[in-house]
Structure formats: structure tokens, C-alpha cells
Amino acid sequence: MVEKEAKETKTPEGYFVYVGKKGVMAYVLAVITQFSEGAKEISIKARGKSISRAIDVLEIVKNKNPEVKVKAINTSTEEVETDDGRPLKVSAIEIIIKK
């Protein structure tokens, strides 16, 4: 299975942090950096085994900054392709936080 490595991106629609295999604090830093750049809302996204890491990021950010609130939590199932070409259904989560 191909899993995306964590990314921090800014698009016209808003700010995103894609949680992958790095340590939790790398994503916490990405969220804090985006808030300091002026972001009002940030979307934390993860798939599969990274979902628990995304929730850890959320909790650490909320504990460090009480102004941060959860706006929405969306769950879904995505279909990805394994290394041998078979389709695989993977759970996904998107946590939208605002300051």
C-alpha cells in the first residue's frame, strides 16, 4: 500500500496538514506554524493507521492553546491501490479546527 508522507500545504481554500508516519510533534509544529501565519481554520487529514496520530495532534494542539476549537470531524472510506494493484478500502478522517 502506498501511504502519503506528511505534508503541510496552503491552498486558496485553506490550510491543511496531512498526517503520515512522522512523529506527532512534527504535525503539532505544522499546525502551530500555520496558525501563527494567520490561518483561521486548519484541516488535519489522515488515513488508516495514521488516524490515531491525527487525534493525538488535535489533543496536543488543544491543550497548548485553549482558543483552538473543533469545528467539524468528517470520516470516510477511500479506495487505494496496493503495491500489487489490488483495490483496498482505507478509513480516513478530516478534523477541522479553528482559532
Protein backbone atom coordinates (compact mmCIF):
# COMPACT_ATOMS: atom_id res chain seq x y z
CA MET A 1 0.00 0.00 0.00
CA VAL A 2 1.23 3.47 -0.81
CA GLU A 3 0.69 5.96 2.00
CA LYS A 4 1.41 9.64 1.56
CA GLU A 5 4.12 11.13 3.71
CA ALA A 6 3.03 14.06 5.83
CA LYS A 7 2.71 17.37 4.12
CA GLU A 8 1.91 20.89 5.13
CA THR A 9 0.19 22.83 2.38
CA LYS A 10 -1.65 26.07 1.85
CA THR A 11 -4.32 26.36 -0.81
CA PRO A 12 -6.79 29.11 -1.68
CA GLU A 13 -9.48 27.14 0.19
CA GLY A 14 -7.49 26.97 3.43
CA TYR A 15 -4.72 25.29 5.35
CA PHE A 16 -4.11 21.52 5.52
CA VAL A 17 -1.85 19.17 7.47
CA TYR A 18 -1.66 15.62 6.12
CA VAL A 19 -0.67 13.24 8.91
CA GLY A 20 1.57 10.32 7.95
CA LYS A 21 4.40 8.38 9.56
CA LYS A 22 6.43 11.16 11.21
CA GLY A 23 6.34 11.85 14.93
CA VAL A 24 3.31 13.60 16.41
CA MET A 25 5.24 16.75 17.34
CA ALA A 26 6.18 17.37 13.68
CA TYR A 27 2.48 17.76 12.88
CA VAL A 28 1.80 19.80 16.02
CA LEU A 29 4.53 22.19 14.88
CA ALA A 30 2.97 22.35 11.41
CA VAL A 31 -0.42 23.29 12.89
CA ILE A 32 1.07 25.90 15.24
CA THR A 33 3.11 27.38 12.38
CA GLN A 34 0.03 27.73 10.19
CA PHE A 35 -1.92 29.43 12.99
CA SER A 36 0.98 31.85 13.51
CA GLU A 37 0.92 32.62 9.75
CA GLY A 38 -2.66 33.83 10.18
CA ALA A 39 -4.74 30.75 9.45
CA LYS A 40 -8.22 30.86 10.98
CA GLU A 41 -9.06 27.22 10.15
CA ILE A 42 -6.85 24.20 9.59
CA SER A 43 -7.84 20.78 8.29
CA ILE A 44 -5.96 17.82 9.80
CA LYS A 45 -6.28 14.81 7.48
CA ALA A 46 -5.18 11.19 7.95
CA ARG A 47 -5.85 7.70 6.62
CA GLY A 48 -5.61 4.22 8.08
CA LYS A 49 -3.17 3.73 10.93
CA SER A 50 -2.37 7.46 10.98
CA ILE A 51 -5.86 8.35 12.27
CA SER A 52 -4.84 7.89 15.91
CA ARG A 53 -1.79 10.12 15.31
CA ALA A 54 -4.10 12.84 13.90
CA ILE A 55 -6.23 12.68 17.04
CA ASP A 56 -3.08 12.96 19.17
CA VAL A 57 -2.11 16.08 17.18
CA LEU A 58 -5.54 17.57 17.82
CA GLU A 59 -5.40 16.93 21.56
CA ILE A 60 -1.89 18.34 21.96
CA VAL A 61 -2.77 21.49 20.00
CA LYS A 62 -5.96 21.97 22.06
CA ASN A 63 -4.04 21.54 25.33
CA LYS A 64 -1.34 24.02 24.27
CA ASN A 65 -3.81 26.62 23.04
CA PRO A 66 -7.28 26.76 24.66
CA GLU A 67 -8.51 29.11 21.89
CA VAL A 68 -8.45 26.20 19.42
CA LYS A 69 -11.84 24.53 18.96
CA VAL A 70 -13.02 21.63 16.82
CA LYS A 71 -15.31 22.87 14.06
CA ALA A 72 -16.07 19.52 12.40
CA ILE A 73 -14.94 15.91 12.17
CA ASN A 74 -15.58 14.07 8.92
CA THR A 75 -14.97 10.38 8.34
CA SER A 76 -14.94 8.46 5.09
CA THR A 77 -13.66 5.38 3.32
CA GLU A 78 -11.18 5.81 0.47
CA GLU A 79 -10.14 3.22 -2.04
CA VAL A 80 -6.38 2.98 -2.62
CA GLU A 81 -4.32 0.59 -4.70
CA THR A 82 -1.93 -1.86 -3.04
CA ASP A 83 1.58 -2.49 -4.35
CA ASP A 84 0.31 -5.48 -6.33
CA GLY A 85 -2.52 -3.49 -7.92
CA ARG A 86 -5.46 -4.68 -5.82
CA PRO A 87 -8.03 -2.16 -4.54
CA LEU A 88 -8.07 -1.64 -0.77
CA LYS A 89 -10.59 0.32 1.28
CA VAL A 90 -9.00 2.54 3.93
CA SER A 91 -10.69 4.64 6.60
CA ALA A 92 -9.98 8.37 6.52
CA ILE A 93 -10.61 11.30 8.87
CA GLU A 94 -10.63 15.05 8.46
CA ILE A 95 -10.60 17.20 11.59
CA ILE A 96 -11.29 20.90 11.02
CA ILE A 97 -10.09 23.15 13.81
CA LYS A 98 -10.47 26.90 14.21
CA LYS A 99 -8.89 29.57 16.34
